[in-house]
Amino acid sequence: MAVETHIHAFPRHVASKTYPEAVPVYDSATKRIRIGDGSTSGGIEIPNMADLSAVTAAIGTFESAAEAVIGEESAGEA
């Protein structure tokens, strides 16, 4: 199978079209890059820095809450 190597940028058609494997697609409506996998409509969305920052913040909040709970448990045992 030949692999397409160009980038598509048609915002009205990105979500409705299934792209071949490894085809990068730029969705100008959402300003996101997607990679075609041959079966998913619109391809797989690649996370951007804002997504990664949100995940990092959520992990930090979870770790802080876990440390607080562990601290309460160890204080109760003493």
C-alpha atoms as a PDB file:
ATOM      1  CA  MET A   1       0.000   0.000   0.000  1.00  0.00           C
ATOM      2  CA  ALA A   2       1.338   3.432  -0.890  1.00  0.00           C
ATOM      3  CA  VAL A   3       1.545   5.883   1.974  1.00  0.00           C
ATOM      4  CA  GLU A   4       0.463   9.465   1.392  1.00  0.00           C
ATOM      5  CA  THR A   5       3.037  11.949   2.641  1.00  0.00           C
ATOM      6  CA  HIS A   6       1.229  15.263   2.370  1.00  0.00           C
ATOM      7  CA  ILE A   7      -0.805  17.142   4.954  1.00  0.00           C
ATOM      8  CA  HIS A   8      -4.516  17.690   4.450  1.00  0.00           C
ATOM      9  CA  ALA A   9      -6.138  20.892   5.760  1.00  0.00           C
ATOM     10  CA  PHE A  10      -9.832  20.835   4.943  1.00  0.00           C
ATOM     11  CA  PRO A  11     -11.691  21.571   8.195  1.00  0.00           C
ATOM     12  CA  ARG A  12     -15.146  20.681   6.872  1.00  0.00           C
ATOM     13  CA  HIS A  13     -14.018  17.239   5.787  1.00  0.00           C
ATOM     14  CA  VAL A  14     -11.544  16.167   8.482  1.00  0.00           C
ATOM     15  CA  ALA A  15     -14.036  14.684  10.947  1.00  0.00           C
ATOM     16  CA  SER A  16     -16.033  12.820   8.327  1.00  0.00           C
ATOM     17  CA  LYS A  17     -13.178  11.240   6.366  1.00  0.00           C
ATOM     18  CA  THR A  18     -11.100   8.185   7.244  1.00  0.00           C
ATOM     19  CA  TYR A  19      -7.437   8.706   6.373  1.00  0.00           C
ATOM     20  CA  PRO A  20      -4.903   5.974   5.518  1.00  0.00           C
ATOM     21  CA  GLU A  21      -2.380   4.903   8.137  1.00  0.00           C
ATOM     22  CA  ALA A  22       0.337   7.451   9.006  1.00  0.00           C
ATOM     23  CA  VAL A  23      -1.222  10.329   7.062  1.00  0.00           C
ATOM     24  CA  PRO A  24      -0.893  13.592   9.035  1.00  0.00           C
ATOM     25  CA  VAL A  25      -3.952  15.820   8.897  1.00  0.00           C
ATOM     26  CA  TYR A  26      -4.162  19.405  10.166  1.00  0.00           C
ATOM     27  CA  ASP A  27      -7.637  20.342  11.324  1.00  0.00           C
ATOM     28  CA  SER A  28      -7.684  24.127  10.991  1.00  0.00           C
ATOM     29  CA  ALA A  29     -11.057  24.370  12.773  1.00  0.00           C
ATOM     30  CA  THR A  30      -9.661  22.961  16.040  1.00  0.00           C
ATOM     31  CA  LYS A  31      -6.004  23.787  15.309  1.00  0.00           C
ATOM     32  CA  ARG A  32      -5.006  20.190  16.008  1.00  0.00           C
ATOM     33  CA  ILE A  33      -2.945  17.612  14.181  1.00  0.00           C
ATOM     34  CA  ARG A  34      -4.488  14.212  13.614  1.00  0.00           C
ATOM     35  CA  ILE A  35      -2.865  11.042  12.311  1.00  0.00           C
ATOM     36  CA  GLY A  36      -4.823   8.694  10.088  1.00  0.00           C
ATOM     37  CA  ASP A  37      -5.052   5.084  11.239  1.00  0.00           C
ATOM     38  CA  GLY A  38      -7.145   3.668   8.421  1.00  0.00           C
ATOM     39  CA  SER A  39     -10.285   3.097  10.498  1.00  0.00           C
ATOM     40  CA  THR A  40     -11.084   6.069  12.766  1.00  0.00           C
ATOM     41  CA  SER A  41     -13.095   8.952  11.271  1.00  0.00           C
ATOM     42  CA  GLY A  42     -10.926  12.052  11.333  1.00  0.00           C
ATOM     43  CA  GLY A  43      -7.906  10.120  12.576  1.00  0.00           C
ATOM     44  CA  ILE A  44      -6.369  10.099  16.039  1.00  0.00           C
ATOM     45  CA  GLU A  45      -5.980  13.529  17.619  1.00  0.00           C
ATOM     46  CA  ILE A  46      -2.491  14.363  18.873  1.00  0.00           C
ATOM     47  CA  PRO A  47      -2.472  16.196  22.232  1.00  0.00           C
ATOM     48  CA  ASN A  48      -1.076  19.718  22.282  1.00  0.00           C
ATOM     49  CA  MET A  49       0.811  21.500  25.085  1.00  0.00           C
ATOM     50  CA  ALA A  50      -2.414  22.755  26.722  1.00  0.00           C
ATOM     51  CA  ASP A  51      -3.674  19.154  26.992  1.00  0.00           C
ATOM     52  CA  LEU A  52      -0.384  18.000  28.465  1.00  0.00           C
ATOM     53  CA  SER A  53      -0.337  20.900  30.947  1.00  0.00           C
ATOM     54  CA  ALA A  54      -3.849  19.998  32.120  1.00  0.00           C
ATOM     55  CA  VAL A  55      -2.817  16.379  32.672  1.00  0.00           C
ATOM     56  CA  THR A  56       0.314  17.444  34.550  1.00  0.00           C
ATOM     57  CA  ALA A  57      -1.756  19.772  36.768  1.00  0.00           C
ATOM     58  CA  ALA A  58      -4.278  17.003  37.463  1.00  0.00           C
ATOM     59  CA  ILE A  59      -1.484  14.599  38.437  1.00  0.00           C
ATOM     60  CA  GLY A  60       0.001  17.204  40.767  1.00  0.00           C
ATOM     61  CA  THR A  61      -3.403  17.730  42.429  1.00  0.00           C
ATOM     62  CA  PHE A  62      -3.852  13.988  42.832  1.00  0.00           C
ATOM     63  CA  GLU A  63      -0.383  13.593  44.368  1.00  0.00           C
ATOM     64  CA  SER A  64      -1.036  16.452  46.815  1.00  0.00           C
ATOM     65  CA  ALA A  65      -4.334  14.887  47.881  1.00  0.00           C
ATOM     66  CA  ALA A  66      -2.708  11.475  48.278  1.00  0.00           C
ATOM     67  CA  GLU A  67       0.099  12.930  50.421  1.00  0.00           C
ATOM     68  CA  ALA A  68      -2.484  14.659  52.628  1.00  0.00           C
ATOM     69  CA  VAL A  69      -4.400  11.403  53.138  1.00  0.00           C
ATOM     70  CA  ILE A  70      -1.215   9.442  53.852  1.00  0.00           C
ATOM     71  CA  GLY A  71      -0.146  12.132  56.318  1.00  0.00           C
ATOM     72  CA  GLU A  72      -3.501  11.898  58.146  1.00  0.00           C
ATOM     73  CA  GLU A  73      -3.276   8.104  58.323  1.00  0.00           C
ATOM     74  CA  SER A  74       0.280   8.098  59.711  1.00  0.00           C
ATOM     75  CA  ALA A  75      -0.647  10.775  62.301  1.00  0.00           C
ATOM     76  CA  GLY A  76      -3.571   8.592  63.475  1.00  0.00           C
ATOM     77  CA  GLU A  77      -1.261   5.568  63.894  1.00  0.00           C
ATOM     78  CA  ALA A  78       1.176   7.354  66.194  1.00  0.00           C
END
